[in-house]
Amino acid sequence: MAVGDREGRMVVRMTGGATPQYPVVMSDPSFTECVSMFRPWDYATMAGGAAFGWVFTNWSVYPTKNEWALKARSHPALAPTRWGAAVGFLGALSYVYGVSYQRAIGWAENGPEVKAARAQNPNKWKE
């Protein structure tokens, strides 16, 4: 079933699949719309993912206490730890994006997002 969204694009929605358990805020959210719906806990999850990646690679590269490498921030030996932080951040970002997408399409709890959408466009949410 093809329907038009708010910008006039044609959007194909699958029918007969999983039905949302919560109100649908957006039927086809873009990346920026999902990012705009991040909660504070989502940002903490991304920071934790980056920190976990940095610590994990730091422990694997420097199993002993090499204080000299940690003091020199531009030392080439720290490149693996920077890559670990980047990979951890991207992994956490993909997880948080998926959760935010599920909130937008009504597959996960989305109470604050529904309140914000109702305040922004009350005519759409008349019951």
PDB file of N, CA and C in Angstrom:
ATOM      1  N   MET A   1       0.846  -1.172   0.000  1.00  0.00           N
ATOM      2  CA  MET A   1       0.000   0.000   0.000  1.00  0.00           C
ATOM      3  C   MET A   1       0.885   1.226   0.000  1.00  0.00           C
ATOM      4  N   ALA A   2       0.760   2.084  -0.973  1.00  0.00           N
ATOM      5  CA  ALA A   2       1.571   3.296  -1.067  1.00  0.00           C
ATOM      6  C   ALA A   2       0.755   4.481  -0.566  1.00  0.00           C
ATOM      7  N   VAL A   3       1.362   5.284   0.253  1.00  0.00           N
ATOM      8  CA  VAL A   3       0.716   6.490   0.765  1.00  0.00           C
ATOM      9  C   VAL A   3       1.692   7.643   0.647  1.00  0.00           C
ATOM     10  N   GLY A   4       1.195   8.869   0.694  1.00  0.00           N
ATOM     11  CA  GLY A   4       2.053  10.047   0.657  1.00  0.00           C
ATOM     12  C   GLY A   4       2.314  10.539   2.069  1.00  0.00           C
ATOM     13  N   ASP A   5       3.505  11.014   2.327  1.00  0.00           N
ATOM     14  CA  ASP A   5       3.805  11.562   3.641  1.00  0.00           C
ATOM     15  C   ASP A   5       3.678  13.075   3.589  1.00  0.00           C
ATOM     16  N   ARG A   6       4.130  13.752   4.626  1.00  0.00           N
ATOM     17  CA  ARG A   6       3.905  15.187   4.750  1.00  0.00           C
ATOM     18  C   ARG A   6       4.695  16.013   3.746  1.00  0.00           C
ATOM     19  N   GLU A   7       5.750  15.475   3.127  1.00  0.00           N
ATOM     20  CA  GLU A   7       6.493  16.220   2.116  1.00  0.00           C
ATOM     21  C   GLU A   7       6.071  15.854   0.698  1.00  0.00           C
ATOM     22  N   GLY A   8       5.106  14.984   0.535  1.00  0.00           N
ATOM     23  CA  GLY A   8       4.633  14.625  -0.782  1.00  0.00           C
ATOM     24  C   GLY A   8       5.366  13.455  -1.409  1.00  0.00           C
ATOM     25  N   ARG A   9       6.344  12.871  -0.694  1.00  0.00           N
ATOM     26  CA  ARG A   9       7.035  11.711  -1.240  1.00  0.00           C
ATOM     27  C   ARG A   9       6.108  10.498  -1.164  1.00  0.00           C
ATOM     28  N   MET A  10       6.349   9.552  -2.035  1.00  0.00           N
ATOM     29  CA  MET A  10       5.596   8.301  -1.949  1.00  0.00           C
ATOM     30  C   MET A  10       6.320   7.372  -0.987  1.00  0.00           C
ATOM     31  N   VAL A  11       5.587   6.850  -0.042  1.00  0.00           N
ATOM     32  CA  VAL A  11       6.146   5.969   0.967  1.00  0.00           C
ATOM     33  C   VAL A  11       5.417   4.643   0.875  1.00  0.00           C
ATOM     34  N   VAL A  12       6.175   3.573   0.851  1.00  0.00           N
ATOM     35  CA  VAL A  12       5.574   2.250   0.800  1.00  0.00           C
ATOM     36  C   VAL A  12       5.607   1.670   2.205  1.00  0.00           C
ATOM     37  N   ARG A  13       4.435   1.373   2.727  1.00  0.00           N
ATOM     38  CA  ARG A  13       4.357   0.763   4.043  1.00  0.00           C
ATOM     39  C   ARG A  13       3.927  -0.682   3.895  1.00  0.00           C
ATOM     40  N   MET A  14       4.551  -1.523   4.671  1.00  0.00           N
ATOM     41  CA  MET A  14       4.195  -2.933   4.635  1.00  0.00           C
ATOM     42  C   MET A  14       2.920  -3.141   5.455  1.00  0.00           C
ATOM     43  N   THR A  15       2.032  -3.929   4.937  1.00  0.00           N
ATOM     44  CA  THR A  15       0.817  -4.251   5.665  1.00  0.00           C
ATOM     45  C   THR A  15       0.864  -5.707   6.077  1.00  0.00           C
ATOM     46  N   GLY A  16       0.222  -6.006   7.157  1.00  0.00           N
ATOM     47  CA  GLY A  16       0.161  -7.378   7.618  1.00  0.00           C
ATOM     48  C   GLY A  16       1.333  -7.774   8.493  1.00  0.00           C
ATOM     49  N   GLY A  17       2.233  -6.866   8.788  1.00  0.00           N
ATOM     50  CA  GLY A  17       3.383  -7.160   9.635  1.00  0.00           C
ATOM     51  C   GLY A  17       3.047  -6.902  11.089  1.00  0.00           C
ATOM     52  N   ALA A  18       4.058  -6.570  11.841  1.00  0.00           N
ATOM     53  CA  ALA A  18       3.868  -6.272  13.251  1.00  0.00           C
ATOM     54  C   ALA A  18       3.127  -4.945  13.381  1.00  0.00           C
ATOM     55  N   THR A  19       2.109  -4.943  14.217  1.00  0.00           N
ATOM     56  CA  THR A  19       1.359  -3.712  14.441  1.00  0.00           C
ATOM     57  C   THR A  19       1.945  -2.986  15.640  1.00  0.00           C
ATOM     58  N   PRO A  20       2.002  -1.654  15.589  1.00  0.00           N
ATOM     59  CA  PRO A  20       2.575  -0.910  16.708  1.00  0.00           C
ATOM     60  C   PRO A  20       1.697  -1.009  17.947  1.00  0.00           C
ATOM     61  N   GLN A  21       2.337  -1.119  19.090  1.00  0.00           N
ATOM     62  CA  GLN A  21       1.615  -1.201  20.359  1.00  0.00           C
ATOM     63  C   GLN A  21       1.386   0.175  20.962  1.00  0.00           C
ATOM     64  N   TYR A  22       2.088   1.170  20.468  1.00  0.00           N
ATOM     65  CA  TYR A  22       2.005   2.531  20.985  1.00  0.00           C
ATOM     66  C   TYR A  22       1.596   3.461  19.854  1.00  0.00           C
ATOM     67  N   PRO A  23       1.200   4.698  20.177  1.00  0.00           N
ATOM     68  CA  PRO A  23       0.825   5.627  19.098  1.00  0.00           C
ATOM     69  C   PRO A  23       1.990   5.896  18.149  1.00  0.00           C
ATOM     70  N   VAL A  24       1.689   6.009  16.881  1.00  0.00           N
ATOM     71  CA  VAL A  24       2.705   6.268  15.863  1.00  0.00           C
ATOM     72  C   VAL A  24       2.954   7.772  15.808  1.00  0.00           C
ATOM     73  N   VAL A  25       4.190   8.192  16.065  1.00  0.00           N
ATOM     74  CA  VAL A  25       4.542   9.604  15.996  1.00  0.00           C
ATOM     75  C   VAL A  25       4.846   9.986  14.564  1.00  0.00           C
ATOM     76  N   MET A  26       5.646   9.176  13.859  1.00  0.00           N
ATOM     77  CA  MET A  26       5.978   9.388  12.447  1.00  0.00           C
ATOM     78  C   MET A  26       5.966   8.039  11.760  1.00  0.00           C
ATOM     79  N   SER A  27       5.378   7.990  10.583  1.00  0.00           N
ATOM     80  CA  SER A  27       5.319   6.699   9.891  1.00  0.00           C
ATOM     81  C   SER A  27       6.621   6.375   9.170  1.00  0.00           C
ATOM     82  N   ASP A  28       7.366   7.390   8.743  1.00  0.00           N
ATOM     83  CA  ASP A  28       8.625   7.173   8.044  1.00  0.00           C
ATOM     84  C   ASP A  28       9.633   8.242   8.464  1.00  0.00           C
ATOM     85  N   PRO A  29      10.211   8.114   9.669  1.00  0.00           N
ATOM     86  CA  PRO A  29      11.127   9.156  10.153  1.00  0.00           C
ATOM     87  C   PRO A  29      12.469   9.109   9.434  1.00  0.00           C
ATOM     88  N   SER A  30      13.027  10.280   9.183  1.00  0.00           N
ATOM     89  CA  SER A  30      14.356  10.365   8.583  1.00  0.00           C
ATOM     90  C   SER A  30      15.406  10.265   9.695  1.00  0.00           C
ATOM     91  N   PHE A  31      16.672  10.244   9.290  1.00  0.00           N
ATOM     92  CA  PHE A  31      17.751  10.143  10.276  1.00  0.00           C
ATOM     93  C   PHE A  31      17.744  11.342  11.213  1.00  0.00           C
ATOM     94  N   THR A  32      17.591  12.543  10.670  1.00  0.00           N
ATOM     95  CA  THR A  32      17.624  13.734  11.518  1.00  0.00           C
ATOM     96  C   THR A  32      16.419  13.788  12.457  1.00  0.00           C
ATOM     97  N   GLU A  33      15.274  13.296  12.023  1.00  0.00           N
ATOM     98  CA  GLU A  33      14.110  13.257  12.910  1.00  0.00           C
ATOM     99  C   GLU A  33      14.326  12.273  14.052  1.00  0.00           C
ATOM    100  N   CYS A  34      14.958  11.146  13.758  1.00  0.00           N
ATOM    101  CA  CYS A  34      15.258  10.185  14.827  1.00  0.00           C
ATOM    102  C   CYS A  34      16.280  10.759  15.806  1.00  0.00           C
ATOM    103  N   VAL A  35      17.280  11.447  15.277  1.00  0.00           N
ATOM    104  CA  VAL A  35      18.293  12.037  16.154  1.00  0.00           C
ATOM    105  C   VAL A  35      17.677  13.146  16.993  1.00  0.00           C
ATOM    106  N   SER A  36      16.732  13.887  16.451  1.00  0.00           N
ATOM    107  CA  SER A  36      16.099  14.950  17.234  1.00  0.00           C
ATOM    108  C   SER A  36      15.234  14.393  18.364  1.00  0.00           C
ATOM    109  N   MET A  37      14.862  13.124  18.280  1.00  0.00           N
ATOM    110  CA  MET A  37      14.060  12.515  19.338  1.00  0.00           C
ATOM    111  C   MET A  37      14.903  11.757  20.366  1.00  0.00           C
ATOM    112  N   PHE A  38      16.216  11.904  20.325  1.00  0.00           N
ATOM    113  CA  PHE A  38      17.055  11.248  21.332  1.00  0.00           C
ATOM    114  C   PHE A  38      16.713  11.768  22.720  1.00  0.00           C
ATOM    115  N   ARG A  39      16.730  10.877  23.675  1.00  0.00           N
ATOM    116  CA  ARG A  39      16.524  11.241  25.078  1.00  0.00           C
ATOM    117  C   ARG A  39      17.885  11.414  25.745  1.00  0.00           C
ATOM    118  N   PRO A  40      17.936  12.039  26.925  1.00  0.00           N
ATOM    119  CA  PRO A  40      19.228  12.195  27.614  1.00  0.00           C
ATOM    120  C   PRO A  40      19.923  10.853  27.872  1.00  0.00           C
ATOM    121  N   TRP A  41      19.155   9.833  28.150  1.00  0.00           N
ATOM    122  CA  TRP A  41      19.754   8.526  28.389  1.00  0.00           C
ATOM    123  C   TRP A  41      20.422   7.979  27.117  1.00  0.00           C
ATOM    124  N   ASP A  42      19.904   8.337  25.967  1.00  0.00           N
ATOM    125  CA  ASP A  42      20.511   7.903  24.702  1.00  0.00           C
ATOM    126  C   ASP A  42      21.895   8.517  24.525  1.00  0.00           C
ATOM    127  N   TYR A  43      22.034   9.801  24.875  1.00  0.00           N
ATOM    128  CA  TYR A  43      23.351  10.434  24.796  1.00  0.00           C
ATOM    129  C   TYR A  43      24.323   9.793  25.786  1.00  0.00           C
ATOM    130  N   ALA A  44      23.819   9.437  26.972  1.00  0.00           N
ATOM    131  CA  ALA A  44      24.670   8.753  27.948  1.00  0.00           C
ATOM    132  C   ALA A  44      25.097   7.377  27.435  1.00  0.00           C
ATOM    133  N   THR A  45      24.216   6.702  26.718  1.00  0.00           N
ATOM    134  CA  THR A  45      24.561   5.404  26.137  1.00  0.00           C
ATOM    135  C   THR A  45      25.666   5.548  25.100  1.00  0.00           C
ATOM    136  N   MET A  46      25.605   6.598  24.276  1.00  0.00           N
ATOM    137  CA  MET A  46      26.654   6.808  23.282  1.00  0.00           C
ATOM    138  C   MET A  46      27.984   7.137  23.953  1.00  0.00           C
ATOM    139  N   ALA A  47      27.949   7.952  24.997  1.00  0.00           N
ATOM    140  CA  ALA A  47      29.189   8.270  25.715  1.00  0.00           C
ATOM    141  C   ALA A  47      29.751   7.020  26.386  1.00  0.00           C
ATOM    142  N   GLY A  48      28.875   6.193  26.938  1.00  0.00           N
ATOM    143  CA  GLY A  48      29.330   4.949  27.551  1.00  0.00           C
ATOM    144  C   GLY A  48      29.909   3.983  26.540  1.00  0.00           C
ATOM    145  N   GLY A  49      29.336   3.925  25.352  1.00  0.00           N
ATOM    146  CA  GLY A  49      29.879   3.070  24.285  1.00  0.00           C
ATOM    147  C   GLY A  49      31.264   3.516  23.867  1.00  0.00           C
ATOM    148  N   ALA A  50      31.446   4.834  23.750  1.00  0.00           N
ATOM    149  CA  ALA A  50      32.766   5.351  23.385  1.00  0.00           C
ATOM    150  C   ALA A  50      33.772   5.082  24.499  1.00  0.00           C
ATOM    151  N   ALA A  51      33.356   5.274  25.741  1.00  0.00           N
ATOM    152  CA  ALA A  51      34.263   5.023  26.865  1.00  0.00           C
ATOM    153  C   ALA A  51      34.609   3.540  26.960  1.00  0.00           C
ATOM    154  N   PHE A  52      33.630   2.669  26.750  1.00  0.00           N
ATOM    155  CA  PHE A  52      33.905   1.237  26.810  1.00  0.00           C
ATOM    156  C   PHE A  52      34.884   0.831  25.723  1.00  0.00           C
ATOM    157  N   GLY A  53      34.688   1.349  24.510  1.00  0.00           N
ATOM    158  CA  GLY A  53      35.619   1.024  23.422  1.00  0.00           C
ATOM    159  C   GLY A  53      37.018   1.508  23.709  1.00  0.00           C
ATOM    160  N   TRP A  54      37.140   2.713  24.278  1.00  0.00           N
ATOM    161  CA  TRP A  54      38.461   3.255  24.607  1.00  0.00           C
ATOM    162  C   TRP A  54      39.131   2.425  25.689  1.00  0.00           C
ATOM    163  N   VAL A  55      38.396   2.109  26.747  1.00  0.00           N
ATOM    164  CA  VAL A  55      38.978   1.339  27.857  1.00  0.00           C
ATOM    165  C   VAL A  55      39.330  -0.071  27.404  1.00  0.00           C
ATOM    166  N   PHE A  56      38.454  -0.691  26.628  1.00  0.00           N
ATOM    167  CA  PHE A  56      38.720  -2.057  26.181  1.00  0.00           C
ATOM    168  C   PHE A  56      39.988  -2.131  25.337  1.00  0.00           C
ATOM    169  N   THR A  57      40.127  -1.215  24.376  1.00  0.00           N
ATOM    170  CA  THR A  57      41.336  -1.250  23.552  1.00  0.00           C
ATOM    171  C   THR A  57      42.552  -0.779  24.329  1.00  0.00           C
ATOM    172  N   ASN A  58      42.377   0.104  25.294  1.00  0.00           N
ATOM    173  CA  ASN A  58      43.511   0.557  26.102  1.00  0.00           C
ATOM    174  C   ASN A  58      44.055  -0.602  26.929  1.00  0.00           C
ATOM    175  N   TRP A  59      43.169  -1.383  27.514  1.00  0.00           N
ATOM    176  CA  TRP A  59      43.628  -2.526  28.302  1.00  0.00           C
ATOM    177  C   TRP A  59      44.255  -3.601  27.429  1.00  0.00           C
ATOM    178  N   SER A  60      43.739  -3.764  26.209  1.00  0.00           N
ATOM    179  CA  SER A  60      44.305  -4.803  25.356  1.00  0.00           C
ATOM    180  C   SER A  60      45.649  -4.372  24.759  1.00  0.00           C
ATOM    181  N   VAL A  61      45.832  -3.082  24.498  1.00  0.00           N
ATOM    182  CA  VAL A  61      47.091  -2.607  23.934  1.00  0.00           C
ATOM    183  C   VAL A  61      48.143  -2.440  25.020  1.00  0.00           C
ATOM    184  N   TYR A  62      47.735  -1.947  26.182  1.00  0.00           N
ATOM    185  CA  TYR A  62      48.670  -1.702  27.288  1.00  0.00           C
ATOM    186  C   TYR A  62      48.260  -2.527  28.503  1.00  0.00           C
ATOM    187  N   PRO A  63      48.562  -3.824  28.522  1.00  0.00           N
ATOM    188  CA  PRO A  63      48.151  -4.625  29.675  1.00  0.00           C
ATOM    189  C   PRO A  63      48.906  -4.248  30.943  1.00  0.00           C
ATOM    190  N   THR A  64      50.098  -3.694  30.805  1.00  0.00           N
ATOM    191  CA  THR A  64      50.830  -3.221  31.981  1.00  0.00           C
ATOM    192  C   THR A  64      50.555  -1.737  32.164  1.00  0.00           C
ATOM    193  N   LYS A  65      51.095  -1.170  33.189  1.00  0.00           N
ATOM    194  CA  LYS A  65      50.841   0.242  33.485  1.00  0.00           C
ATOM    195  C   LYS A  65      51.881   1.115  32.796  1.00  0.00           C
ATOM    196  N   ASN A  66      51.675   1.393  31.535  1.00  0.00           N
ATOM    197  CA  ASN A  66      52.556   2.271  30.773  1.00  0.00           C
ATOM    198  C   ASN A  66      52.027   3.696  30.877  1.00  0.00           C
ATOM    199  N   GLU A  67      52.420   4.395  31.912  1.00  0.00           N
ATOM    200  CA  GLU A  67      51.934   5.750  32.130  1.00  0.00           C
ATOM    201  C   GLU A  67      52.447   6.713  31.068  1.00  0.00           C
ATOM    202  N   TRP A  68      53.617   6.428  30.499  1.00  0.00           N
ATOM    203  CA  TRP A  68      54.189   7.356  29.519  1.00  0.00           C
ATOM    204  C   TRP A  68      53.320   7.486  28.288  1.00  0.00           C
ATOM    205  N   ALA A  69      52.665   6.391  27.879  1.00  0.00           N
ATOM    206  CA  ALA A  69      51.837   6.436  26.676  1.00  0.00           C
ATOM    207  C   ALA A  69      50.536   7.185  26.929  1.00  0.00           C
ATOM    208  N   LEU A  70      50.023   7.109  28.130  1.00  0.00           N
ATOM    209  CA  LEU A  70      48.786   7.813  28.432  1.00  0.00           C
ATOM    210  C   LEU A  70      49.008   9.310  28.602  1.00  0.00           C
ATOM    211  N   LYS A  71      50.211   9.709  28.972  1.00  0.00           N
ATOM    212  CA  LYS A  71      50.498  11.131  29.161  1.00  0.00           C
ATOM    213  C   LYS A  71      50.697  11.842  27.832  1.00  0.00           C
ATOM    214  N   ALA A  72      51.242  11.179  26.850  1.00  0.00           N
ATOM    215  CA  ALA A  72      51.491  11.790  25.546  1.00  0.00           C
ATOM    216  C   ALA A  72      50.260  11.592  24.667  1.00  0.00           C
ATOM    217  N   ARG A  73      49.427  12.576  24.572  1.00  0.00           N
ATOM    218  CA  ARG A  73      48.163  12.438  23.838  1.00  0.00           C
ATOM    219  C   ARG A  73      48.368  12.269  22.341  1.00  0.00           C
ATOM    220  N   SER A  74      49.442  12.805  21.798  1.00  0.00           N
ATOM    221  CA  SER A  74      49.656  12.683  20.363  1.00  0.00           C
ATOM    222  C   SER A  74      50.592  11.525  20.022  1.00  0.00           C
ATOM    223  N   HIS A  75      50.832  10.668  20.956  1.00  0.00           N
ATOM    224  CA  HIS A  75      51.727   9.538  20.721  1.00  0.00           C
ATOM    225  C   HIS A  75      51.071   8.569  19.745  1.00  0.00           C
ATOM    226  N   PRO A  76      51.812   8.042  18.753  1.00  0.00           N
ATOM    227  CA  PRO A  76      51.203   7.134  17.779  1.00  0.00           C
ATOM    228  C   PRO A  76      50.713   5.831  18.391  1.00  0.00           C
ATOM    229  N   ALA A  77      51.205   5.493  19.569  1.00  0.00           N
ATOM    230  CA  ALA A  77      50.748   4.249  20.187  1.00  0.00           C
ATOM    231  C   ALA A  77      49.307   4.355  20.671  1.00  0.00           C
ATOM    232  N   LEU A  78      48.766   5.556  20.759  1.00  0.00           N
ATOM    233  CA  LEU A  78      47.385   5.711  21.200  1.00  0.00           C
ATOM    234  C   LEU A  78      46.370   5.585  20.068  1.00  0.00           C
ATOM    235  N   ALA A  79      46.818   5.399  18.846  1.00  0.00           N
ATOM    236  CA  ALA A  79      45.900   5.288  17.713  1.00  0.00           C
ATOM    237  C   ALA A  79      44.891   4.146  17.891  1.00  0.00           C
ATOM    238  N   PRO A  80      45.297   2.964  18.374  1.00  0.00           N
ATOM    239  CA  PRO A  80      44.286   1.910  18.566  1.00  0.00           C
ATOM    240  C   PRO A  80      43.214   2.284  19.575  1.00  0.00           C
ATOM    241  N   THR A  81      43.584   3.042  20.603  1.00  0.00           N
ATOM    242  CA  THR A  81      42.565   3.418  21.582  1.00  0.00           C
ATOM    243  C   THR A  81      41.601   4.439  20.999  1.00  0.00           C
ATOM    244  N   ARG A  82      42.091   5.299  20.130  1.00  0.00           N
ATOM    245  CA  ARG A  82      41.181   6.250  19.474  1.00  0.00           C
ATOM    246  C   ARG A  82      40.230   5.514  18.538  1.00  0.00           C
ATOM    247  N   TRP A  83      40.747   4.534  17.812  1.00  0.00           N
ATOM    248  CA  TRP A  83      39.873   3.738  16.953  1.00  0.00           C
ATOM    249  C   TRP A  83      38.859   2.959  17.781  1.00  0.00           C
ATOM    250  N   GLY A  84      39.288   2.474  18.929  1.00  0.00           N
ATOM    251  CA  GLY A  84      38.353   1.759  19.802  1.00  0.00           C
ATOM    252  C   GLY A  84      37.233   2.659  20.284  1.00  0.00           C
ATOM    253  N   ALA A  85      37.569   3.902  20.628  1.00  0.00           N
ATOM    254  CA  ALA A  85      36.537   4.853  21.057  1.00  0.00           C
ATOM    255  C   ALA A  85      35.590   5.171  19.898  1.00  0.00           C
ATOM    256  N   ALA A  86      36.131   5.323  18.697  1.00  0.00           N
ATOM    257  CA  ALA A  86      35.285   5.618  17.542  1.00  0.00           C
ATOM    258  C   ALA A  86      34.349   4.454  17.225  1.00  0.00           C
ATOM    259  N   VAL A  87      34.876   3.246  17.276  1.00  0.00           N
ATOM    260  CA  VAL A  87      34.037   2.071  17.001  1.00  0.00           C
ATOM    261  C   VAL A  87      32.976   1.906  18.085  1.00  0.00           C
ATOM    262  N   GLY A  88      33.349   2.139  19.342  1.00  0.00           N
ATOM    263  CA  GLY A  88      32.373   2.070  20.431  1.00  0.00           C
ATOM    264  C   GLY A  88      31.279   3.106  20.282  1.00  0.00           C
ATOM    265  N   PHE A  89      31.664   4.318  19.892  1.00  0.00           N
ATOM    266  CA  PHE A  89      30.671   5.378  19.685  1.00  0.00           C
ATOM    267  C   PHE A  89      29.739   5.039  18.535  1.00  0.00           C
ATOM    268  N   LEU A  90      30.277   4.559  17.414  1.00  0.00           N
ATOM    269  CA  LEU A  90      29.424   4.226  16.271  1.00  0.00           C
ATOM    270  C   LEU A  90      28.502   3.045  16.574  1.00  0.00           C
ATOM    271  N   GLY A  91      29.001   2.091  17.335  1.00  0.00           N
ATOM    272  CA  GLY A  91      28.140   0.983  17.735  1.00  0.00           C
ATOM    273  C   GLY A  91      27.000   1.445  18.623  1.00  0.00           C
ATOM    274  N   ALA A  92      27.313   2.303  19.585  1.00  0.00           N
ATOM    275  CA  ALA A  92      26.273   2.835  20.459  1.00  0.00           C
ATOM    276  C   ALA A  92      25.310   3.729  19.689  1.00  0.00           C
ATOM    277  N   LEU A  93      25.828   4.498  18.719  1.00  0.00           N
ATOM    278  CA  LEU A  93      24.958   5.353  17.902  1.00  0.00           C
ATOM    279  C   LEU A  93      23.978   4.513  17.095  1.00  0.00           C
ATOM    280  N   SER A  94      24.446   3.422  16.525  1.00  0.00           N
ATOM    281  CA  SER A  94      23.531   2.577  15.745  1.00  0.00           C
ATOM    282  C   SER A  94      22.470   1.942  16.642  1.00  0.00           C
ATOM    283  N   TYR A  95      22.844   1.561  17.847  1.00  0.00           N
ATOM    284  CA  TYR A  95      21.868   1.008  18.787  1.00  0.00           C
ATOM    285  C   TYR A  95      20.827   2.053  19.188  1.00  0.00           C
ATOM    286  N   VAL A  96      21.300   3.249  19.545  1.00  0.00           N
ATOM    287  CA  VAL A  96      20.403   4.312  19.992  1.00  0.00           C
ATOM    288  C   VAL A  96      19.503   4.774  18.842  1.00  0.00           C
ATOM    289  N   TYR A  97      20.043   4.822  17.628  1.00  0.00           N
ATOM    290  CA  TYR A  97      19.225   5.184  16.474  1.00  0.00           C
ATOM    291  C   TYR A  97      18.100   4.173  16.270  1.00  0.00           C
ATOM    292  N   GLY A  98      18.412   2.895  16.421  1.00  0.00           N
ATOM    293  CA  GLY A  98      17.383   1.870  16.280  1.00  0.00           C
ATOM    294  C   GLY A  98      16.292   2.001  17.325  1.00  0.00           C
ATOM    295  N   VAL A  99      16.677   2.307  18.548  1.00  0.00           N
ATOM    296  CA  VAL A  99      15.689   2.486  19.613  1.00  0.00           C
ATOM    297  C   VAL A  99      14.824   3.712  19.343  1.00  0.00           C
ATOM    298  N   SER A 100      15.446   4.792  18.891  1.00  0.00           N
ATOM    299  CA  SER A 100      14.700   6.006  18.587  1.00  0.00           C
ATOM    300  C   SER A 100      13.751   5.783  17.401  1.00  0.00           C
ATOM    301  N   TYR A 101      14.190   5.038  16.413  1.00  0.00           N
ATOM    302  CA  TYR A 101      13.336   4.715  15.271  1.00  0.00           C
ATOM    303  C   TYR A 101      12.122   3.896  15.731  1.00  0.00           C
ATOM    304  N   GLN A 102      12.353   2.943  16.627  1.00  0.00           N
ATOM    305  CA  GLN A 102      11.244   2.141  17.142  1.00  0.00           C
ATOM    306  C   GLN A 102      10.257   2.993  17.922  1.00  0.00           C
ATOM    307  N   ARG A 103      10.762   3.989  18.654  1.00  0.00           N
ATOM    308  CA  ARG A 103       9.859   4.905  19.356  1.00  0.00           C
ATOM    309  C   ARG A 103       9.020   5.710  18.369  1.00  0.00           C
ATOM    310  N   ALA A 104       9.631   6.147  17.274  1.00  0.00           N
ATOM    311  CA  ALA A 104       8.920   6.983  16.306  1.00  0.00           C
ATOM    312  C   ALA A 104       7.801   6.223  15.612  1.00  0.00           C
ATOM    313  N   ILE A 105       8.025   4.957  15.295  1.00  0.00           N
ATOM    314  CA  ILE A 105       7.000   4.202  14.568  1.00  0.00           C
ATOM    315  C   ILE A 105       6.064   3.426  15.492  1.00  0.00           C
ATOM    316  N   GLY A 106       6.233   3.594  16.805  1.00  0.00           N
ATOM    317  CA  GLY A 106       5.282   3.026  17.746  1.00  0.00           C
ATOM    318  C   GLY A 106       5.573   1.611  18.194  1.00  0.00           C
ATOM    319  N   TRP A 107       6.761   1.118  17.990  1.00  0.00           N
ATOM    320  CA  TRP A 107       7.096  -0.233  18.440  1.00  0.00           C
ATOM    321  C   TRP A 107       7.671  -0.253  19.844  1.00  0.00           C
ATOM    322  N   ALA A 108       8.042   0.896  20.386  1.00  0.00           N
ATOM    323  CA  ALA A 108       8.578   0.987  21.747  1.00  0.00           C
ATOM    324  C   ALA A 108       7.857   2.124  22.471  1.00  0.00           C
ATOM    325  N   GLU A 109       7.987   2.163  23.766  1.00  0.00           N
ATOM    326  CA  GLU A 109       7.334   3.174  24.599  1.00  0.00           C
ATOM    327  C   GLU A 109       7.763   4.565  24.152  1.00  0.00           C
ATOM    328  N   ASN A 110       6.791   5.436  23.865  1.00  0.00           N
ATOM    329  CA  ASN A 110       7.100   6.749  23.315  1.00  0.00           C
ATOM    330  C   ASN A 110       6.248   7.854  23.916  1.00  0.00           C
ATOM    331  N   GLY A 111       6.019   7.807  25.204  1.00  0.00           N
ATOM    332  CA  GLY A 111       5.183   8.802  25.874  1.00  0.00           C
ATOM    333  C   GLY A 111       5.648  10.239  25.698  1.00  0.00           C
ATOM    334  N   PRO A 112       6.923  10.566  25.990  1.00  0.00           N
ATOM    335  CA  PRO A 112       7.362  11.952  25.812  1.00  0.00           C
ATOM    336  C   PRO A 112       7.311  12.426  24.356  1.00  0.00           C
ATOM    337  N   GLU A 113       7.578  11.534  23.416  1.00  0.00           N
ATOM    338  CA  GLU A 113       7.535  11.912  22.007  1.00  0.00           C
ATOM    339  C   GLU A 113       6.107  12.202  21.556  1.00  0.00           C
ATOM    340  N   VAL A 114       5.144  11.428  22.067  1.00  0.00           N
ATOM    341  CA  VAL A 114       3.743  11.659  21.721  1.00  0.00           C
ATOM    342  C   VAL A 114       3.276  12.990  22.305  1.00  0.00           C
ATOM    343  N   LYS A 115       3.672  13.285  23.546  1.00  0.00           N
ATOM    344  CA  LYS A 115       3.301  14.576  24.151  1.00  0.00           C
ATOM    345  C   LYS A 115       3.860  15.737  23.351  1.00  0.00           C
ATOM    346  N   ALA A 116       5.119  15.627  22.914  1.00  0.00           N
ATOM    347  CA  ALA A 116       5.728  16.696  22.126  1.00  0.00           C
ATOM    348  C   ALA A 116       5.037  16.834  20.774  1.00  0.00           C
ATOM    349  N   ALA A 117       4.673  15.719  20.156  1.00  0.00           N
ATOM    350  CA  ALA A 117       3.997  15.771  18.854  1.00  0.00           C
ATOM    351  C   ALA A 117       2.595  16.356  18.996  1.00  0.00           C
ATOM    352  N   ARG A 118       1.919  16.036  20.086  1.00  0.00           N
ATOM    353  CA  ARG A 118       0.581  16.606  20.305  1.00  0.00           C
ATOM    354  C   ARG A 118       0.647  18.100  20.557  1.00  0.00           C
ATOM    355  N   ALA A 119       1.668  18.543  21.266  1.00  0.00           N
ATOM    356  CA  ALA A 119       1.821  19.976  21.515  1.00  0.00           C
ATOM    357  C   ALA A 119       2.204  20.717  20.234  1.00  0.00           C
ATOM    358  N   GLN A 120       2.949  20.060  19.362  1.00  0.00           N
ATOM    359  CA  GLN A 120       3.406  20.698  18.136  1.00  0.00           C
ATOM    360  C   GLN A 120       2.298  20.772  17.079  1.00  0.00           C
ATOM    361  N   ASN A 121       1.480  19.737  16.986  1.00  0.00           N
ATOM    362  CA  ASN A 121       0.427  19.688  15.972  1.00  0.00           C
ATOM    363  C   ASN A 121      -0.841  19.106  16.588  1.00  0.00           C
ATOM    364  N   PRO A 122      -1.631  19.918  17.304  1.00  0.00           N
ATOM    365  CA  PRO A 122      -2.803  19.371  17.997  1.00  0.00           C
ATOM    366  C   PRO A 122      -3.919  18.920  17.054  1.00  0.00           C
ATOM    367  N   ASN A 123      -3.985  19.453  15.833  1.00  0.00           N
ATOM    368  CA  ASN A 123      -5.057  19.055  14.914  1.00  0.00           C
ATOM    369  C   ASN A 123      -4.932  17.608  14.455  1.00  0.00           C
ATOM    370  N   LYS A 124      -3.706  17.128  14.360  1.00  0.00           N
ATOM    371  CA  LYS A 124      -3.476  15.752  13.927  1.00  0.00           C
ATOM    372  C   LYS A 124      -3.914  14.750  14.988  1.00  0.00           C
ATOM    373  N   TRP A 125      -3.855  15.146  16.251  1.00  0.00           N
ATOM    374  CA  TRP A 125      -4.087  14.209  17.347  1.00  0.00           C
ATOM    375  C   TRP A 125      -5.480  14.330  17.950  1.00  0.00           C
ATOM    376  N   LYS A 126      -6.427  14.954  17.251  1.00  0.00           N
ATOM    377  CA  LYS A 126      -7.799  15.035  17.760  1.00  0.00           C
ATOM    378  C   LYS A 126      -8.399  13.631  17.797  1.00  0.00           C
ATOM    379  N   GLU A 127      -9.081  13.359  18.882  1.00  0.00           N
ATOM    380  CA  GLU A 127      -9.675  12.023  19.004  1.00  0.00           C
ATOM    381  C   GLU A 127     -11.182  12.073  18.970  1.00  0.00           C
TER     382      GLU A 127
END
